[in-house]
Amino acid sequence: MEPEASINVLGDTLAPCSTDPLTGFFRDGHCNTCAADQGSHTVCAVMTAEFLAYSKYVGNDLSTPRPEFRFAGLKPGDHWCLCASRFLQAHEEGCAPRVNLEATHQRALEIVSLDVLREHAAVA
């Protein structure tokens, strides 16, 4: 599982997404990816109550703690490397979270257009 180059959607070096909670396919705090990352956990999203409720509704409960996986559960304001397809689905349903473009891996562009990502860009 060799990570792909750490380049963001803007063509710059990939910024960290979050170390608390620790996120990323590699659990390295970055939305790094590789061929084994079937879900493309490449979008650095800022969680909202609306998105967390939506994600739970569609079968991916990110808010409930799972101590057996050392997962405390996410809350609004947390940053998380989200699957690009889930982000796009939430966008199409009108409940996409904000996105940290500097911390979103360029591979996300295979699924989500830069225009859509910019539409949800978090204000720095």
N, C-alpha and C. Protein backbone atom coordinates (compact mmCIF):
# COMPACT_ATOMS: atom_id res chain seq x y z
N MET A 1 0.84 -1.19 0.00
CA MET A 1 0.00 0.00 0.00
C MET A 1 0.88 1.24 0.00
N GLU A 2 1.40 1.56 -1.14
CA GLU A 2 2.23 2.75 -1.30
C GLU A 2 1.35 3.95 -1.58
N PRO A 3 1.42 5.01 -0.75
CA PRO A 3 0.59 6.20 -0.98
C PRO A 3 0.94 6.88 -2.30
N GLU A 4 -0.10 7.45 -2.92
CA GLU A 4 0.11 8.29 -4.11
C GLU A 4 0.74 9.60 -3.67
N ALA A 5 1.22 10.39 -4.62
CA ALA A 5 1.81 11.69 -4.31
C ALA A 5 0.82 12.53 -3.51
N SER A 6 1.32 13.22 -2.50
CA SER A 6 0.48 14.03 -1.61
C SER A 6 0.26 15.42 -2.21
N ILE A 7 -0.62 15.47 -3.22
CA ILE A 7 -0.93 16.72 -3.93
C ILE A 7 -2.42 17.01 -3.75
N ASN A 8 -2.74 18.27 -3.47
CA ASN A 8 -4.15 18.62 -3.27
C ASN A 8 -4.82 19.01 -4.59
N VAL A 9 -6.10 19.31 -4.52
CA VAL A 9 -6.90 19.63 -5.72
C VAL A 9 -6.48 20.94 -6.37
N LEU A 10 -5.70 21.74 -5.67
CA LEU A 10 -5.22 23.01 -6.21
C LEU A 10 -3.83 22.86 -6.84
N GLY A 11 -3.26 21.63 -6.77
CA GLY A 11 -1.95 21.37 -7.34
C GLY A 11 -0.79 21.62 -6.41
N ASP A 12 -1.08 21.90 -5.15
CA ASP A 12 -0.04 22.17 -4.15
C ASP A 12 0.15 20.96 -3.23
N THR A 13 1.09 21.07 -2.30
CA THR A 13 1.32 20.01 -1.33
C THR A 13 0.08 19.83 -0.46
N LEU A 14 -0.30 18.59 -0.24
CA LEU A 14 -1.49 18.27 0.55
C LEU A 14 -1.29 18.69 2.00
N ALA A 15 -2.19 19.53 2.49
CA ALA A 15 -2.16 19.99 3.89
C ALA A 15 -2.79 18.92 4.78
N PRO A 16 -2.48 18.93 6.09
CA PRO A 16 -3.13 17.99 7.00
C PRO A 16 -4.63 18.27 7.08
N CYS A 17 -5.40 17.22 7.29
CA CYS A 17 -6.84 17.36 7.48
C CYS A 17 -7.17 17.39 8.97
N SER A 18 -6.75 16.36 9.71
CA SER A 18 -7.02 16.33 11.15
C SER A 18 -6.20 15.25 11.84
N THR A 19 -5.67 15.62 13.00
CA THR A 19 -5.02 14.63 13.86
C THR A 19 -5.86 14.36 15.11
N ASP A 20 -6.91 15.16 15.32
CA ASP A 20 -7.81 14.96 16.46
C ASP A 20 -9.22 15.34 16.04
N PRO A 21 -10.01 14.39 15.53
CA PRO A 21 -9.72 12.96 15.47
C PRO A 21 -8.73 12.63 14.35
N LEU A 22 -7.98 11.57 14.56
CA LEU A 22 -7.01 11.12 13.57
C LEU A 22 -7.74 10.53 12.39
N THR A 23 -7.50 11.09 11.21
CA THR A 23 -8.25 10.70 10.02
C THR A 23 -7.33 10.22 8.92
N GLY A 24 -7.95 9.81 7.83
CA GLY A 24 -7.23 9.40 6.63
C GLY A 24 -7.21 7.90 6.46
N PHE A 25 -7.14 7.45 5.23
CA PHE A 25 -7.07 6.03 4.92
C PHE A 25 -5.89 5.38 5.64
N PHE A 26 -4.78 6.11 5.74
CA PHE A 26 -3.59 5.61 6.42
C PHE A 26 -3.56 6.01 7.90
N ARG A 27 -4.58 6.71 8.36
CA ARG A 27 -4.63 7.27 9.72
C ARG A 27 -3.35 8.05 10.02
N ASP A 28 -3.02 8.94 9.06
CA ASP A 28 -1.84 9.78 9.20
C ASP A 28 -2.20 11.26 9.31
N GLY A 29 -3.51 11.55 9.42
CA GLY A 29 -3.96 12.94 9.53
C GLY A 29 -4.15 13.64 8.20
N HIS A 30 -3.79 12.97 7.11
CA HIS A 30 -3.91 13.53 5.76
C HIS A 30 -4.89 12.67 4.95
N CYS A 31 -5.46 13.25 3.91
CA CYS A 31 -6.36 12.50 3.03
C CYS A 31 -5.57 11.84 1.90
N ASN A 32 -4.46 11.21 2.30
CA ASN A 32 -3.64 10.45 1.35
C ASN A 32 -4.42 9.24 0.88
N THR A 33 -4.03 8.69 -0.25
CA THR A 33 -4.75 7.57 -0.84
C THR A 33 -3.78 6.66 -1.57
N CYS A 34 -4.29 5.52 -2.00
CA CYS A 34 -3.51 4.56 -2.78
C CYS A 34 -4.49 3.68 -3.54
N ALA A 35 -3.99 2.77 -4.33
CA ALA A 35 -4.85 1.89 -5.12
C ALA A 35 -5.76 1.05 -4.25
N ALA A 36 -5.35 0.72 -3.04
CA ALA A 36 -6.16 -0.10 -2.14
C ALA A 36 -7.33 0.66 -1.51
N ASP A 37 -7.31 1.98 -1.61
CA ASP A 37 -8.37 2.82 -1.03
C ASP A 37 -9.57 2.84 -1.96
N GLN A 38 -10.36 1.79 -1.91
CA GLN A 38 -11.51 1.64 -2.80
C GLN A 38 -12.54 2.76 -2.62
N GLY A 39 -12.64 3.33 -1.42
CA GLY A 39 -13.61 4.38 -1.16
C GLY A 39 -13.13 5.78 -1.53
N SER A 40 -11.87 5.91 -1.88
CA SER A 40 -11.28 7.21 -2.20
C SER A 40 -11.56 8.21 -1.07
N HIS A 41 -10.98 7.96 0.10
CA HIS A 41 -11.13 8.81 1.28
C HIS A 41 -10.27 10.06 1.10
N THR A 42 -10.69 10.92 0.18
CA THR A 42 -9.82 12.00 -0.30
C THR A 42 -10.35 13.41 -0.06
N VAL A 43 -11.58 13.56 0.39
CA VAL A 43 -12.17 14.88 0.60
C VAL A 43 -12.07 15.24 2.08
N CYS A 44 -11.34 16.31 2.38
CA CYS A 44 -11.24 16.77 3.78
C CYS A 44 -12.47 17.63 4.07
N ALA A 45 -13.41 17.02 4.77
CA ALA A 45 -14.70 17.65 5.04
C ALA A 45 -14.81 18.10 6.49
N VAL A 46 -15.52 19.21 6.68
CA VAL A 46 -15.80 19.74 8.01
C VAL A 46 -17.22 19.27 8.37
N MET A 47 -17.31 18.42 9.36
CA MET A 47 -18.59 17.80 9.72
C MET A 47 -19.61 18.83 10.20
N THR A 48 -20.86 18.59 9.81
CA THR A 48 -22.00 19.37 10.29
C THR A 48 -23.02 18.38 10.86
N ALA A 49 -23.90 18.86 11.71
CA ALA A 49 -24.95 18.01 12.25
C ALA A 49 -25.81 17.46 11.12
N GLU A 50 -26.11 18.31 10.13
CA GLU A 50 -26.93 17.88 9.00
C GLU A 50 -26.25 16.76 8.21
N PHE A 51 -24.96 16.91 7.93
CA PHE A 51 -24.27 15.87 7.17
C PHE A 51 -24.16 14.59 7.98
N LEU A 52 -23.84 14.68 9.26
CA LEU A 52 -23.71 13.48 10.09
C LEU A 52 -25.03 12.71 10.15
N ALA A 53 -26.15 13.43 10.25
CA ALA A 53 -27.47 12.79 10.25
C ALA A 53 -27.73 12.13 8.89
N TYR A 54 -27.36 12.82 7.81
CA TYR A 54 -27.53 12.26 6.47
C TYR A 54 -26.70 10.99 6.30
N SER A 55 -25.45 11.06 6.69
CA SER A 55 -24.56 9.91 6.55
C SER A 55 -25.09 8.70 7.32
N LYS A 56 -25.59 8.95 8.51
CA LYS A 56 -26.18 7.86 9.31
C LYS A 56 -27.41 7.30 8.59
N TYR A 57 -28.23 8.17 8.03
CA TYR A 57 -29.45 7.77 7.33
C TYR A 57 -29.14 6.87 6.13
N VAL A 58 -28.03 7.16 5.42
CA VAL A 58 -27.68 6.36 4.25
C VAL A 58 -26.76 5.19 4.59
N GLY A 59 -26.59 4.91 5.88
CA GLY A 59 -25.92 3.69 6.29
C GLY A 59 -24.48 3.79 6.75
N ASN A 60 -23.96 5.00 6.91
CA ASN A 60 -22.59 5.15 7.41
C ASN A 60 -22.61 6.06 8.63
N ASP A 61 -22.81 5.45 9.79
CA ASP A 61 -22.92 6.19 11.05
C ASP A 61 -21.53 6.63 11.51
N LEU A 62 -21.24 7.90 11.32
CA LEU A 62 -19.94 8.45 11.71
C LEU A 62 -19.98 9.11 13.09
N SER A 63 -21.16 9.24 13.68
CA SER A 63 -21.27 9.98 14.94
C SER A 63 -21.29 9.09 16.18
N THR A 64 -21.61 7.83 16.04
CA THR A 64 -21.68 6.94 17.20
C THR A 64 -20.29 6.42 17.55
N PRO A 65 -19.87 6.57 18.80
CA PRO A 65 -18.56 6.05 19.20
C PRO A 65 -18.48 4.53 19.00
N ARG A 66 -17.32 4.07 18.57
CA ARG A 66 -17.05 2.64 18.40
C ARG A 66 -15.72 2.34 19.09
N PRO A 67 -15.74 2.21 20.43
CA PRO A 67 -14.49 2.03 21.17
C PRO A 67 -13.68 0.82 20.72
N GLU A 68 -14.35 -0.22 20.21
CA GLU A 68 -13.62 -1.40 19.77
C GLU A 68 -12.71 -1.10 18.57
N PHE A 69 -12.98 0.02 17.88
CA PHE A 69 -12.14 0.45 16.77
C PHE A 69 -11.37 1.72 17.13
N ARG A 70 -11.36 2.07 18.41
CA ARG A 70 -10.73 3.29 18.90
C ARG A 70 -11.26 4.51 18.14
N PHE A 71 -12.58 4.53 17.94
CA PHE A 71 -13.25 5.61 17.22
C PHE A 71 -14.24 6.28 18.17
N ALA A 72 -13.99 7.55 18.47
CA ALA A 72 -14.82 8.28 19.43
C ALA A 72 -16.11 8.81 18.84
N GLY A 73 -16.27 8.69 17.54
CA GLY A 73 -17.44 9.28 16.87
C GLY A 73 -17.15 10.73 16.53
N LEU A 74 -17.72 11.18 15.43
CA LEU A 74 -17.49 12.55 14.98
C LEU A 74 -18.59 13.47 15.45
N LYS A 75 -18.25 14.74 15.58
CA LYS A 75 -19.23 15.76 15.96
C LYS A 75 -19.07 16.95 15.02
N PRO A 76 -20.06 17.82 14.97
CA PRO A 76 -19.94 19.01 14.13
C PRO A 76 -18.66 19.77 14.42
N GLY A 77 -18.00 20.19 13.36
CA GLY A 77 -16.74 20.92 13.47
C GLY A 77 -15.52 20.04 13.27
N ASP A 78 -15.66 18.73 13.47
CA ASP A 78 -14.54 17.82 13.23
C ASP A 78 -14.21 17.79 11.75
N HIS A 79 -12.93 17.63 11.44
CA HIS A 79 -12.48 17.45 10.06
C HIS A 79 -12.26 15.96 9.84
N TRP A 80 -12.64 15.46 8.66
CA TRP A 80 -12.59 14.02 8.39
C TRP A 80 -12.35 13.78 6.91
N CYS A 81 -11.53 12.80 6.58
CA CYS A 81 -11.30 12.42 5.19
C CYS A 81 -12.47 11.56 4.73
N LEU A 82 -13.32 12.16 3.97
CA LEU A 82 -14.58 11.57 3.53
C LEU A 82 -14.41 10.93 2.15
N CYS A 83 -15.15 9.86 1.92
CA CYS A 83 -15.16 9.24 0.59
C CYS A 83 -15.70 10.26 -0.41
N ALA A 84 -15.02 10.38 -1.53
CA ALA A 84 -15.42 11.35 -2.54
C ALA A 84 -16.82 11.07 -3.06
N SER A 85 -17.18 9.81 -3.22
CA SER A 85 -18.52 9.48 -3.73
C SER A 85 -19.60 9.84 -2.71
N ARG A 86 -19.34 9.69 -1.41
CA ARG A 86 -20.31 10.08 -0.38
C ARG A 86 -20.47 11.59 -0.38
N PHE A 87 -19.35 12.32 -0.54
CA PHE A 87 -19.44 13.77 -0.62
C PHE A 87 -20.32 14.18 -1.80
N LEU A 88 -20.08 13.59 -2.97
CA LEU A 88 -20.85 13.93 -4.15
C LEU A 88 -22.33 13.60 -3.95
N GLN A 89 -22.59 12.47 -3.33
CA GLN A 89 -23.98 12.08 -3.03
C GLN A 89 -24.64 13.12 -2.13
N ALA A 90 -23.94 13.55 -1.09
CA ALA A 90 -24.47 14.56 -0.17
C ALA A 90 -24.68 15.89 -0.90
N HIS A 91 -23.77 16.24 -1.79
CA HIS A 91 -23.92 17.46 -2.59
C HIS A 91 -25.21 17.38 -3.40
N GLU A 92 -25.43 16.25 -4.05
CA GLU A 92 -26.63 16.09 -4.88
C GLU A 92 -27.91 16.11 -4.06
N GLU A 93 -27.82 15.75 -2.78
CA GLU A 93 -28.97 15.76 -1.88
C GLU A 93 -29.11 17.10 -1.13
N GLY A 94 -28.16 18.01 -1.35
CA GLY A 94 -28.23 19.34 -0.74
C GLY A 94 -27.75 19.42 0.69
N CYS A 95 -26.93 18.47 1.11
CA CYS A 95 -26.45 18.51 2.51
C CYS A 95 -24.95 18.24 2.62
N ALA A 96 -24.19 18.62 1.61
CA ALA A 96 -22.74 18.41 1.64
C ALA A 96 -22.10 19.29 2.70
N PRO A 97 -21.08 18.76 3.36
CA PRO A 97 -20.34 19.57 4.34
C PRO A 97 -19.38 20.51 3.62
N ARG A 98 -18.77 21.40 4.37
CA ARG A 98 -17.74 22.28 3.84
C ARG A 98 -16.49 21.44 3.58
N VAL A 99 -15.60 21.96 2.72
CA VAL A 99 -14.41 21.23 2.31
C VAL A 99 -13.18 22.10 2.50
N ASN A 100 -12.12 21.51 3.01
CA ASN A 100 -10.82 22.16 3.08
C ASN A 100 -10.08 21.76 1.80
N LEU A 101 -10.04 22.67 0.82
CA LEU A 101 -9.44 22.37 -0.47
C LEU A 101 -7.96 22.05 -0.37
N GLU A 102 -7.25 22.75 0.51
CA GLU A 102 -5.81 22.52 0.66
C GLU A 102 -5.50 21.13 1.20
N ALA A 103 -6.47 20.52 1.89
CA ALA A 103 -6.28 19.19 2.48
C ALA A 103 -7.04 18.09 1.73
N THR A 104 -7.64 18.44 0.58
CA THR A 104 -8.36 17.46 -0.23
C THR A 104 -7.45 16.96 -1.34
N HIS A 105 -7.27 15.64 -1.39
CA HIS A 105 -6.33 15.02 -2.33
C HIS A 105 -6.82 15.17 -3.77
N GLN A 106 -5.88 15.33 -4.69
CA GLN A 106 -6.22 15.51 -6.11
C GLN A 106 -7.00 14.33 -6.69
N ARG A 107 -6.88 13.16 -6.12
CA ARG A 107 -7.61 12.01 -6.64
C ARG A 107 -9.12 12.19 -6.49
N ALA A 108 -9.55 13.07 -5.59
CA ALA A 108 -10.99 13.35 -5.45
C ALA A 108 -11.57 13.87 -6.76
N LEU A 109 -10.74 14.51 -7.58
CA LEU A 109 -11.20 15.08 -8.84
C LEU A 109 -11.64 14.02 -9.85
N GLU A 110 -11.29 12.77 -9.59
CA GLU A 110 -11.77 11.68 -10.45
C GLU A 110 -13.27 11.46 -10.26
N ILE A 111 -13.81 11.95 -9.13
CA ILE A 111 -15.21 11.71 -8.78
C ILE A 111 -16.00 13.02 -8.66
N VAL A 112 -15.37 14.05 -8.12
CA VAL A 112 -16.04 15.33 -7.86
C VAL A 112 -15.30 16.43 -8.62
N SER A 113 -16.04 17.27 -9.31
CA SER A 113 -15.39 18.36 -10.06
C SER A 113 -14.84 19.41 -9.10
N LEU A 114 -13.83 20.11 -9.56
CA LEU A 114 -13.26 21.20 -8.76
C LEU A 114 -14.30 22.28 -8.52
N ASP A 115 -15.18 22.53 -9.47
CA ASP A 115 -16.23 23.54 -9.29
C ASP A 115 -17.13 23.18 -8.12
N VAL A 116 -17.52 21.91 -8.02
CA VAL A 116 -18.37 21.47 -6.90
C VAL A 116 -17.61 21.59 -5.59
N LEU A 117 -16.35 21.18 -5.58
CA LEU A 117 -15.55 21.31 -4.35
C LEU A 117 -15.42 22.78 -3.94
N ARG A 118 -15.16 23.64 -4.90
CA ARG A 118 -15.04 25.09 -4.60
C ARG A 118 -16.36 25.66 -4.06
N GLU A 119 -17.47 25.15 -4.57
CA GLU A 119 -18.78 25.60 -4.10
C GLU A 119 -18.95 25.36 -2.59
N HIS A 120 -18.29 24.34 -2.09
CA HIS A 120 -18.40 23.97 -0.67
C HIS A 120 -17.14 24.30 0.12
N ALA A 121 -16.26 25.10 -0.45
CA ALA A 121 -14.99 25.41 0.22
C ALA A 121 -15.23 26.10 1.56
N ALA A 122 -14.51 25.61 2.55
CA ALA A 122 -14.56 26.22 3.88
C ALA A 122 -13.82 27.55 3.84
N VAL A 123 -14.33 28.50 4.55
CA VAL A 123 -13.65 29.80 4.64
C VAL A 123 -12.51 29.65 5.63
N ALA A 124 -11.33 30.06 5.21
CA ALA A 124 -10.12 29.92 6.04
C ALA A 124 -10.17 30.80 7.26
